[in-house]
Amino acid sequence: MSTQTENVLVDVAERVAQPEASWHSAMPEEQLNCFVQVVASVERVGNALGTLAFTWATVVLLGGYPTSITCVDFAYATALFFLEAARYASMISHM
């Protein structure tokens, strides 16, 4: 047998003999899966907040609120509206 095959056999035998020790050696895949799940969750939360902000800005701009807010707040709502609309349009074009 080659040295590499013997090393693999010894490694497998050690993992079977000490399951709690082998958990740490399998950790990189589990850490990667956990990281991917966290990133996906953050992405979903970000998309939900973006949708909420887009809806709020739409209500402010198209509703009766422009007359009751200051010019600065109206400018922020308008900027938010156009930024989210651009994000949505770019997301649709990538599909």
PDB file of N, CA and C in Angstrom:
ATOM      1  N   MET A   1       0.834  -1.182   0.000  1.00  0.00           N
ATOM      2  CA  MET A   1       0.000   0.000   0.000  1.00  0.00           C
ATOM      3  C   MET A   1       0.877   1.243   0.000  1.00  0.00           C
ATOM      4  N   SER A   2       0.341   2.288  -0.605  1.00  0.00           N
ATOM      5  CA  SER A   2       1.095   3.533  -0.611  1.00  0.00           C
ATOM      6  C   SER A   2       0.947   4.229   0.735  1.00  0.00           C
ATOM      7  N   THR A   3       1.822   5.170   0.973  1.00  0.00           N
ATOM      8  CA  THR A   3       1.806   5.907   2.245  1.00  0.00           C
ATOM      9  C   THR A   3       0.532   6.724   2.380  1.00  0.00           C
ATOM     10  N   GLN A   4       0.064   7.298   1.287  1.00  0.00           N
ATOM     11  CA  GLN A   4      -1.147   8.116   1.341  1.00  0.00           C
ATOM     12  C   GLN A   4      -2.364   7.258   1.709  1.00  0.00           C
ATOM     13  N   THR A   5      -2.456   6.059   1.137  1.00  0.00           N
ATOM     14  CA  THR A   5      -3.571   5.167   1.457  1.00  0.00           C
ATOM     15  C   THR A   5      -3.522   4.749   2.915  1.00  0.00           C
ATOM     16  N   GLU A   6      -2.325   4.472   3.413  1.00  0.00           N
ATOM     17  CA  GLU A   6      -2.187   4.097   4.824  1.00  0.00           C
ATOM     18  C   GLU A   6      -2.609   5.252   5.732  1.00  0.00           C
ATOM     19  N   ASN A   7      -2.246   6.480   5.367  1.00  0.00           N
ATOM     20  CA  ASN A   7      -2.639   7.642   6.171  1.00  0.00           C
ATOM     21  C   ASN A   7      -4.155   7.803   6.208  1.00  0.00           C
ATOM     22  N   VAL A   8      -4.803   7.588   5.078  1.00  0.00           N
ATOM     23  CA  VAL A   8      -6.258   7.697   5.030  1.00  0.00           C
ATOM     24  C   VAL A   8      -6.892   6.621   5.889  1.00  0.00           C
ATOM     25  N   LEU A   9      -6.381   5.396   5.793  1.00  0.00           N
ATOM     26  CA  LEU A   9      -6.929   4.305   6.602  1.00  0.00           C
ATOM     27  C   LEU A   9      -6.750   4.576   8.088  1.00  0.00           C
ATOM     28  N   VAL A  10      -5.595   5.085   8.469  1.00  0.00           N
ATOM     29  CA  VAL A  10      -5.345   5.406   9.875  1.00  0.00           C
ATOM     30  C   VAL A  10      -6.269   6.531  10.322  1.00  0.00           C
ATOM     31  N   ASP A  11      -6.452   7.537   9.471  1.00  0.00           N
ATOM     32  CA  ASP A  11      -7.325   8.662   9.810  1.00  0.00           C
ATOM     33  C   ASP A  11      -8.768   8.187  10.007  1.00  0.00           C
ATOM     34  N   VAL A  12      -9.249   7.327   9.124  1.00  0.00           N
ATOM     35  CA  VAL A  12     -10.608   6.797   9.256  1.00  0.00           C
ATOM     36  C   VAL A  12     -10.726   5.967  10.522  1.00  0.00           C
ATOM     37  N   ALA A  13      -9.731   5.158  10.812  1.00  0.00           N
ATOM     38  CA  ALA A  13      -9.761   4.338  12.022  1.00  0.00           C
ATOM     39  C   ALA A  13      -9.775   5.213  13.272  1.00  0.00           C
ATOM     40  N   GLU A  14      -9.029   6.303  13.271  1.00  0.00           N
ATOM     41  CA  GLU A  14      -9.023   7.213  14.421  1.00  0.00           C
ATOM     42  C   GLU A  14     -10.375   7.896  14.584  1.00  0.00           C
ATOM     43  N   ARG A  15     -11.003   8.260  13.488  1.00  0.00           N
ATOM     44  CA  ARG A  15     -12.322   8.900  13.576  1.00  0.00           C
ATOM     45  C   ARG A  15     -13.367   7.945  14.138  1.00  0.00           C
ATOM     46  N   VAL A  16     -13.299   6.683  13.741  1.00  0.00           N
ATOM     47  CA  VAL A  16     -14.258   5.701  14.251  1.00  0.00           C
ATOM     48  C   VAL A  16     -14.000   5.438  15.726  1.00  0.00           C
ATOM     49  N   ALA A  17     -12.738   5.372  16.112  1.00  0.00           N
ATOM     50  CA  ALA A  17     -12.395   5.076  17.505  1.00  0.00           C
ATOM     51  C   ALA A  17     -12.721   6.243  18.428  1.00  0.00           C
ATOM     52  N   GLN A  18     -12.595   7.481  17.954  1.00  0.00           N
ATOM     53  CA  GLN A  18     -12.835   8.663  18.783  1.00  0.00           C
ATOM     54  C   GLN A  18     -13.824   9.587  18.067  1.00  0.00           C
ATOM     55  N   PRO A  19     -15.128   9.315  18.192  1.00  0.00           N
ATOM     56  CA  PRO A  19     -16.097  10.128  17.454  1.00  0.00           C
ATOM     57  C   PRO A  19     -16.126  11.587  17.879  1.00  0.00           C
ATOM     58  N   GLU A  20     -15.896  11.885  19.171  1.00  0.00           N
ATOM     59  CA  GLU A  20     -15.914  13.285  19.593  1.00  0.00           C
ATOM     60  C   GLU A  20     -14.720  14.047  19.033  1.00  0.00           C
ATOM     61  N   ALA A  21     -13.608  13.384  18.835  1.00  0.00           N
ATOM     62  CA  ALA A  21     -12.442  14.036  18.243  1.00  0.00           C
ATOM     63  C   ALA A  21     -12.645  14.233  16.738  1.00  0.00           C
ATOM     64  N   SER A  22     -13.371  13.303  16.104  1.00  0.00           N
ATOM     65  CA  SER A  22     -13.571  13.429  14.664  1.00  0.00           C
ATOM     66  C   SER A  22     -14.540  14.558  14.329  1.00  0.00           C
ATOM     67  N   TRP A  23     -15.358  14.977  15.303  1.00  0.00           N
ATOM     68  CA  TRP A  23     -16.296  16.065  15.058  1.00  0.00           C
ATOM     69  C   TRP A  23     -15.541  17.344  14.715  1.00  0.00           C
ATOM     70  N   HIS A  24     -14.400  17.554  15.370  1.00  0.00           N
ATOM     71  CA  HIS A  24     -13.600  18.749  15.094  1.00  0.00           C
ATOM     72  C   HIS A  24     -12.967  18.683  13.708  1.00  0.00           C
ATOM     73  N   SER A  25     -12.647  17.492  13.239  1.00  0.00           N
ATOM     74  CA  SER A  25     -12.053  17.392  11.912  1.00  0.00           C
ATOM     75  C   SER A  25     -13.107  17.567  10.816  1.00  0.00           C
ATOM     76  N   ALA A  26     -14.372  17.308  11.117  1.00  0.00           N
ATOM     77  CA  ALA A  26     -15.442  17.537  10.148  1.00  0.00           C
ATOM     78  C   ALA A  26     -15.979  18.966  10.248  1.00  0.00           C
ATOM     79  N   MET A  27     -15.426  19.744  11.143  1.00  0.00           N
ATOM     80  CA  MET A  27     -15.923  21.078  11.436  1.00  0.00           C
ATOM     81  C   MET A  27     -15.872  22.054  10.259  1.00  0.00           C
ATOM     82  N   PRO A  28     -14.855  22.071   9.397  1.00  0.00           N
ATOM     83  CA  PRO A  28     -14.822  23.083   8.329  1.00  0.00           C
ATOM     84  C   PRO A  28     -16.075  23.068   7.444  1.00  0.00           C
ATOM     85  N   GLU A  29     -16.571  21.883   7.091  1.00  0.00           N
ATOM     86  CA  GLU A  29     -17.773  21.819   6.268  1.00  0.00           C
ATOM     87  C   GLU A  29     -18.973  22.349   7.034  1.00  0.00           C
ATOM     88  N   GLU A  30     -19.064  21.997   8.310  1.00  0.00           N
ATOM     89  CA  GLU A  30     -20.180  22.463   9.117  1.00  0.00           C
ATOM     90  C   GLU A  30     -20.092  23.968   9.345  1.00  0.00           C
ATOM     91  N   GLN A  31     -18.887  24.472   9.542  1.00  0.00           N
ATOM     92  CA  GLN A  31     -18.715  25.914   9.697  1.00  0.00           C
ATOM     93  C   GLN A  31     -19.094  26.637   8.407  1.00  0.00           C
ATOM     94  N   LEU A  32     -18.713  26.067   7.277  1.00  0.00           N
ATOM     95  CA  LEU A  32     -19.058  26.669   5.991  1.00  0.00           C
ATOM     96  C   LEU A  32     -20.568  26.671   5.783  1.00  0.00           C
ATOM     97  N   ASN A  33     -21.220  25.549   6.105  1.00  0.00           N
ATOM     98  CA  ASN A  33     -22.682  25.484   5.982  1.00  0.00           C
ATOM     99  C   ASN A  33     -23.352  26.505   6.890  1.00  0.00           C
ATOM    100  N   CYS A  34     -22.863  26.635   8.104  1.00  0.00           N
ATOM    101  CA  CYS A  34     -23.421  27.606   9.043  1.00  0.00           C
ATOM    102  C   CYS A  34     -23.226  29.025   8.512  1.00  0.00           C
ATOM    103  N   PHE A  35     -22.051  29.315   7.990  1.00  0.00           N
ATOM    104  CA  PHE A  35     -21.767  30.638   7.435  1.00  0.00           C
ATOM    105  C   PHE A  35     -22.695  30.953   6.264  1.00  0.00           C
ATOM    106  N   VAL A  36     -22.895  29.980   5.385  1.00  0.00           N
ATOM    107  CA  VAL A  36     -23.771  30.180   4.229  1.00  0.00           C
ATOM    108  C   VAL A  36     -25.204  30.428   4.687  1.00  0.00           C
ATOM    109  N   GLN A  37     -25.649  29.708   5.710  1.00  0.00           N
ATOM    110  CA  GLN A  37     -27.002  29.917   6.229  1.00  0.00           C
ATOM    111  C   GLN A  37     -27.149  31.308   6.840  1.00  0.00           C
ATOM    112  N   VAL A  38     -26.124  31.764   7.544  1.00  0.00           N
ATOM    113  CA  VAL A  38     -26.175  33.103   8.140  1.00  0.00           C
ATOM    114  C   VAL A  38     -26.211  34.169   7.046  1.00  0.00           C
ATOM    115  N   VAL A  39     -25.379  34.013   6.030  1.00  0.00           N
ATOM    116  CA  VAL A  39     -25.359  34.985   4.931  1.00  0.00           C
ATOM    117  C   VAL A  39     -26.706  35.006   4.210  1.00  0.00           C
ATOM    118  N   ALA A  40     -27.285  33.832   3.975  1.00  0.00           N
ATOM    119  CA  ALA A  40     -28.595  33.773   3.318  1.00  0.00           C
ATOM    120  C   ALA A  40     -29.671  34.430   4.182  1.00  0.00           C
ATOM    121  N   SER A  41     -29.600  34.220   5.487  1.00  0.00           N
ATOM    122  CA  SER A  41     -30.579  34.841   6.390  1.00  0.00           C
ATOM    123  C   SER A  41     -30.440  36.357   6.388  1.00  0.00           C
ATOM    124  N   VAL A  42     -29.203  36.841   6.434  1.00  0.00           N
ATOM    125  CA  VAL A  42     -28.974  38.290   6.402  1.00  0.00           C
ATOM    126  C   VAL A  42     -29.462  38.869   5.076  1.00  0.00           C
ATOM    127  N   GLU A  43     -29.240  38.140   3.993  1.00  0.00           N
ATOM    128  CA  GLU A  43     -29.721  38.585   2.678  1.00  0.00           C
ATOM    129  C   GLU A  43     -31.244  38.693   2.659  1.00  0.00           C
ATOM    130  N   ARG A  44     -31.911  37.707   3.224  1.00  0.00           N
ATOM    131  CA  ARG A  44     -33.385  37.742   3.258  1.00  0.00           C
ATOM    132  C   ARG A  44     -33.892  38.892   4.117  1.00  0.00           C
ATOM    133  N   VAL A  45     -33.260  39.103   5.259  1.00  0.00           N
ATOM    134  CA  VAL A  45     -33.673  40.213   6.125  1.00  0.00           C
ATOM    135  C   VAL A  45     -33.439  41.543   5.413  1.00  0.00           C
ATOM    136  N   GLY A  46     -32.301  41.663   4.734  1.00  0.00           N
ATOM    137  CA  GLY A  46     -32.013  42.885   3.981  1.00  0.00           C
ATOM    138  C   GLY A  46     -33.022  43.125   2.874  1.00  0.00           C
ATOM    139  N   ASN A  47     -33.398  42.066   2.170  1.00  0.00           N
ATOM    140  CA  ASN A  47     -34.412  42.215   1.121  1.00  0.00           C
ATOM    141  C   ASN A  47     -35.759  42.610   1.711  1.00  0.00           C
ATOM    142  N   ALA A  48     -36.105  42.029   2.854  1.00  0.00           N
ATOM    143  CA  ALA A  48     -37.379  42.378   3.497  1.00  0.00           C
ATOM    144  C   ALA A  48     -37.378  43.840   3.941  1.00  0.00           C
ATOM    145  N   LEU A  49     -36.278  44.287   4.531  1.00  0.00           N
ATOM    146  CA  LEU A  49     -36.193  45.685   4.957  1.00  0.00           C
ATOM    147  C   LEU A  49     -36.204  46.631   3.758  1.00  0.00           C
ATOM    148  N   GLY A  50     -35.554  46.237   2.681  1.00  0.00           N
ATOM    149  CA  GLY A  50     -35.578  47.048   1.465  1.00  0.00           C
ATOM    150  C   GLY A  50     -36.979  47.159   0.888  1.00  0.00           C
ATOM    151  N   THR A  51     -37.708  46.055   0.907  1.00  0.00           N
ATOM    152  CA  THR A  51     -39.091  46.082   0.431  1.00  0.00           C
ATOM    153  C   THR A  51     -39.954  46.961   1.318  1.00  0.00           C
ATOM    154  N   LEU A  52     -39.744  46.862   2.619  1.00  0.00           N
ATOM    155  CA  LEU A  52     -40.492  47.697   3.560  1.00  0.00           C
ATOM    156  C   LEU A  52     -40.181  49.180   3.336  1.00  0.00           C
ATOM    157  N   ALA A  53     -38.901  49.503   3.148  1.00  0.00           N
ATOM    158  CA  ALA A  53     -38.511  50.895   2.906  1.00  0.00           C
ATOM    159  C   ALA A  53     -39.087  51.399   1.583  1.00  0.00           C
ATOM    160  N   PHE A  54     -39.068  50.554   0.569  1.00  0.00           N
ATOM    161  CA  PHE A  54     -39.629  50.926  -0.731  1.00  0.00           C
ATOM    162  C   PHE A  54     -41.128  51.200  -0.610  1.00  0.00           C
ATOM    163  N   THR A  55     -41.822  50.343   0.123  1.00  0.00           N
ATOM    164  CA  THR A  55     -43.264  50.537   0.323  1.00  0.00           C
ATOM    165  C   THR A  55     -43.539  51.822   1.090  1.00  0.00           C
ATOM    166  N   TRP A  56     -42.762  52.057   2.145  1.00  0.00           N
ATOM    167  CA  TRP A  56     -42.945  53.273   2.943  1.00  0.00           C
ATOM    168  C   TRP A  56     -42.703  54.521   2.092  1.00  0.00           C
ATOM    169  N   ALA A  57     -41.616  54.512   1.315  1.00  0.00           N
ATOM    170  CA  ALA A  57     -41.307  55.673   0.475  1.00  0.00           C
ATOM    171  C   ALA A  57     -42.391  55.889  -0.575  1.00  0.00           C
ATOM    172  N   THR A  58     -42.937  54.810  -1.110  1.00  0.00           N
ATOM    173  CA  THR A  58     -44.016  54.934  -2.088  1.00  0.00           C
ATOM    174  C   THR A  58     -45.251  55.568  -1.456  1.00  0.00           C
ATOM    175  N   VAL A  59     -45.592  55.123  -0.254  1.00  0.00           N
ATOM    176  CA  VAL A  59     -46.757  55.685   0.441  1.00  0.00           C
ATOM    177  C   VAL A  59     -46.534  57.162   0.733  1.00  0.00           C
ATOM    178  N   VAL A  60     -45.339  57.520   1.157  1.00  0.00           N
ATOM    179  CA  VAL A  60     -45.049  58.922   1.472  1.00  0.00           C
ATOM    180  C   VAL A  60     -45.127  59.779   0.216  1.00  0.00           C
ATOM    181  N   LEU A  61     -44.555  59.290  -0.888  1.00  0.00           N
ATOM    182  CA  LEU A  61     -44.520  60.099  -2.107  1.00  0.00           C
ATOM    183  C   LEU A  61     -45.865  60.158  -2.819  1.00  0.00           C
ATOM    184  N   LEU A  62     -46.585  59.052  -2.849  1.00  0.00           N
ATOM    185  CA  LEU A  62     -47.841  59.026  -3.594  1.00  0.00           C
ATOM    186  C   LEU A  62     -49.055  59.325  -2.724  1.00  0.00           C
ATOM    187  N   GLY A  63     -48.886  59.216  -1.416  1.00  0.00           N
ATOM    188  CA  GLY A  63     -49.994  59.504  -0.512  1.00  0.00           C
ATOM    189  C   GLY A  63     -50.096  60.999  -0.261  1.00  0.00           C
ATOM    190  N   GLY A  64     -50.833  61.367   0.744  1.00  0.00           N
ATOM    191  CA  GLY A  64     -51.028  62.774   1.058  1.00  0.00           C
ATOM    192  C   GLY A  64     -49.968  63.346   1.968  1.00  0.00           C
ATOM    193  N   TYR A  65     -48.898  62.592   2.226  1.00  0.00           N
ATOM    194  CA  TYR A  65     -47.899  63.036   3.189  1.00  0.00           C
ATOM    195  C   TYR A  65     -46.920  64.089   2.688  1.00  0.00           C
ATOM    196  N   PRO A  66     -46.679  64.251   1.386  1.00  0.00           N
ATOM    197  CA  PRO A  66     -45.679  65.244   0.967  1.00  0.00           C
ATOM    198  C   PRO A  66     -45.976  66.656   1.452  1.00  0.00           C
ATOM    199  N   THR A  67     -47.226  66.978   1.662  1.00  0.00           N
ATOM    200  CA  THR A  67     -47.553  68.328   2.121  1.00  0.00           C
ATOM    201  C   THR A  67     -47.299  68.507   3.612  1.00  0.00           C
ATOM    202  N   SER A  68     -47.237  67.404   4.359  1.00  0.00           N
ATOM    203  CA  SER A  68     -47.084  67.521   5.812  1.00  0.00           C
ATOM    204  C   SER A  68     -45.672  67.223   6.303  1.00  0.00           C
ATOM    205  N   ILE A  69     -44.716  66.933   5.402  1.00  0.00           N
ATOM    206  CA  ILE A  69     -43.337  66.683   5.833  1.00  0.00           C
ATOM    207  C   ILE A  69     -42.431  67.787   5.306  1.00  0.00           C
ATOM    208  N   THR A  70     -41.258  67.888   5.903  1.00  0.00           N
ATOM    209  CA  THR A  70     -40.311  68.927   5.486  1.00  0.00           C
ATOM    210  C   THR A  70     -39.674  68.552   4.148  1.00  0.00           C
ATOM    211  N   CYS A  71     -39.028  69.517   3.547  1.00  0.00           N
ATOM    212  CA  CYS A  71     -38.366  69.284   2.257  1.00  0.00           C
ATOM    213  C   CYS A  71     -37.239  68.265   2.381  1.00  0.00           C
ATOM    214  N   VAL A  72     -36.520  68.299   3.493  1.00  0.00           N
ATOM    215  CA  VAL A  72     -35.411  67.359   3.698  1.00  0.00           C
ATOM    216  C   VAL A  72     -35.941  65.933   3.793  1.00  0.00           C
ATOM    217  N   ASP A  73     -37.001  65.731   4.572  1.00  0.00           N
ATOM    218  CA  ASP A  73     -37.589  64.397   4.690  1.00  0.00           C
ATOM    219  C   ASP A  73     -38.139  63.917   3.351  1.00  0.00           C
ATOM    220  N   PHE A  74     -38.739  64.828   2.605  1.00  0.00           N
ATOM    221  CA  PHE A  74     -39.249  64.478   1.283  1.00  0.00           C
ATOM    222  C   PHE A  74     -38.098  64.076   0.359  1.00  0.00           C
ATOM    223  N   ALA A  75     -36.974  64.777   0.446  1.00  0.00           N
ATOM    224  CA  ALA A  75     -35.809  64.438  -0.376  1.00  0.00           C
ATOM    225  C   ALA A  75     -35.266  63.060   0.000  1.00  0.00           C
ATOM    226  N   TYR A  76     -35.207  62.753   1.307  1.00  0.00           N
ATOM    227  CA  TYR A  76     -34.766  61.422   1.744  1.00  0.00           C
ATOM    228  C   TYR A  76     -35.703  60.332   1.230  1.00  0.00           C
ATOM    229  N   ALA A  77     -36.995  60.559   1.332  1.00  0.00           N
ATOM    230  CA  ALA A  77     -37.968  59.570   0.855  1.00  0.00           C
ATOM    231  C   ALA A  77     -37.848  59.374  -0.652  1.00  0.00           C
ATOM    232  N   THR A  78     -37.640  60.465  -1.386  1.00  0.00           N
ATOM    233  CA  THR A  78     -37.486  60.373  -2.836  1.00  0.00           C
ATOM    234  C   THR A  78     -36.218  59.606  -3.197  1.00  0.00           C
ATOM    235  N   ALA A  79     -35.112  59.904  -2.519  1.00  0.00           N
ATOM    236  CA  ALA A  79     -33.856  59.193  -2.776  1.00  0.00           C
ATOM    237  C   ALA A  79     -34.007  57.711  -2.455  1.00  0.00           C
ATOM    238  N   LEU A  80     -34.635  57.408  -1.337  1.00  0.00           N
ATOM    239  CA  LEU A  80     -34.863  56.019  -0.949  1.00  0.00           C
ATOM    240  C   LEU A  80     -35.724  55.305  -1.984  1.00  0.00           C
ATOM    241  N   PHE A  81     -36.739  55.972  -2.449  1.00  0.00           N
ATOM    242  CA  PHE A  81     -37.634  55.404  -3.454  1.00  0.00           C
ATOM    243  C   PHE A  81     -36.861  55.051  -4.723  1.00  0.00           C
ATOM    244  N   PHE A  82     -36.060  55.982  -5.229  1.00  0.00           N
ATOM    245  CA  PHE A  82     -35.336  55.731  -6.470  1.00  0.00           C
ATOM    246  C   PHE A  82     -34.219  54.699  -6.291  1.00  0.00           C
ATOM    247  N   LEU A  83     -33.551  54.692  -5.151  1.00  0.00           N
ATOM    248  CA  LEU A  83     -32.517  53.680  -4.907  1.00  0.00           C
ATOM    249  C   LEU A  83     -33.114  52.278  -4.868  1.00  0.00           C
ATOM    250  N   GLU A  84     -34.209  52.115  -4.166  1.00  0.00           N
ATOM    251  CA  GLU A  84     -34.846  50.803  -4.086  1.00  0.00           C
ATOM    252  C   GLU A  84     -35.436  50.396  -5.432  1.00  0.00           C
ATOM    253  N   ALA A  85     -35.970  51.337  -6.180  1.00  0.00           N
ATOM    254  CA  ALA A  85     -36.492  51.022  -7.513  1.00  0.00           C
ATOM    255  C   ALA A  85     -35.359  50.566  -8.434  1.00  0.00           C
ATOM    256  N   ALA A  86     -34.204  51.209  -8.336  1.00  0.00           N
ATOM    257  CA  ALA A  86     -33.046  50.801  -9.141  1.00  0.00           C
ATOM    258  C   ALA A  86     -32.561  49.415  -8.730  1.00  0.00           C
ATOM    259  N   ARG A  87     -32.557  49.134  -7.428  1.00  0.00           N
ATOM    260  CA  ARG A  87     -32.148  47.810  -6.943  1.00  0.00           C
ATOM    261  C   ARG A  87     -33.101  46.744  -7.458  1.00  0.00           C
ATOM    262  N   TYR A  88     -34.387  47.040  -7.404  1.00  0.00           N
ATOM    263  CA  TYR A  88     -35.385  46.088  -7.877  1.00  0.00           C
ATOM    264  C   TYR A  88     -35.229  45.854  -9.381  1.00  0.00           C
ATOM    265  N   ALA A  89     -35.031  46.920 -10.142  1.00  0.00           N
ATOM    266  CA  ALA A  89     -34.867  46.790 -11.594  1.00  0.00           C
ATOM    267  C   ALA A  89     -33.613  45.997 -11.931  1.00  0.00           C
ATOM    268  N   SER A  90     -32.537  46.210 -11.190  1.00  0.00           N
ATOM    269  CA  SER A  90     -31.308  45.459 -11.453  1.00  0.00           C
ATOM    270  C   SER A  90     -31.472  43.997 -11.069  1.00  0.00           C
ATOM    271  N   MET A  91     -32.233  43.733 -10.007  1.00  0.00           N
ATOM    272  CA  MET A  91     -32.479  42.355  -9.587  1.00  0.00           C
ATOM    273  C   MET A  91     -33.308  41.626 -10.647  1.00  0.00           C
ATOM    274  N   ILE A  92     -34.286  42.297 -11.218  1.00  0.00           N
ATOM    275  CA  ILE A  92     -35.131  41.699 -12.252  1.00  0.00           C
ATOM    276  C   ILE A  92     -34.323  41.442 -13.524  1.00  0.00           C
ATOM    277  N   SER A  93     -33.422  42.338 -13.874  1.00  0.00           N
ATOM    278  CA  SER A  93     -32.647  42.172 -15.105  1.00  0.00           C
ATOM    279  C   SER A  93     -31.644  41.028 -15.009  1.00  0.00           C
ATOM    280  N   HIS A  94     -31.253  40.632 -13.795  1.00  0.00           N
ATOM    281  CA  HIS A  94     -30.302  39.526 -13.625  1.00  0.00           C
ATOM    282  C   HIS A  94     -30.986  38.166 -13.642  1.00  0.00           C
ATOM    283  N   MET A  95     -32.302  38.148 -13.606  1.00  0.00           N
ATOM    284  CA  MET A  95     -33.024  36.862 -13.598  1.00  0.00           C
ATOM    285  C   MET A  95     -33.102  36.268 -14.953  1.00  0.00           C
TER     286      MET A  95
END
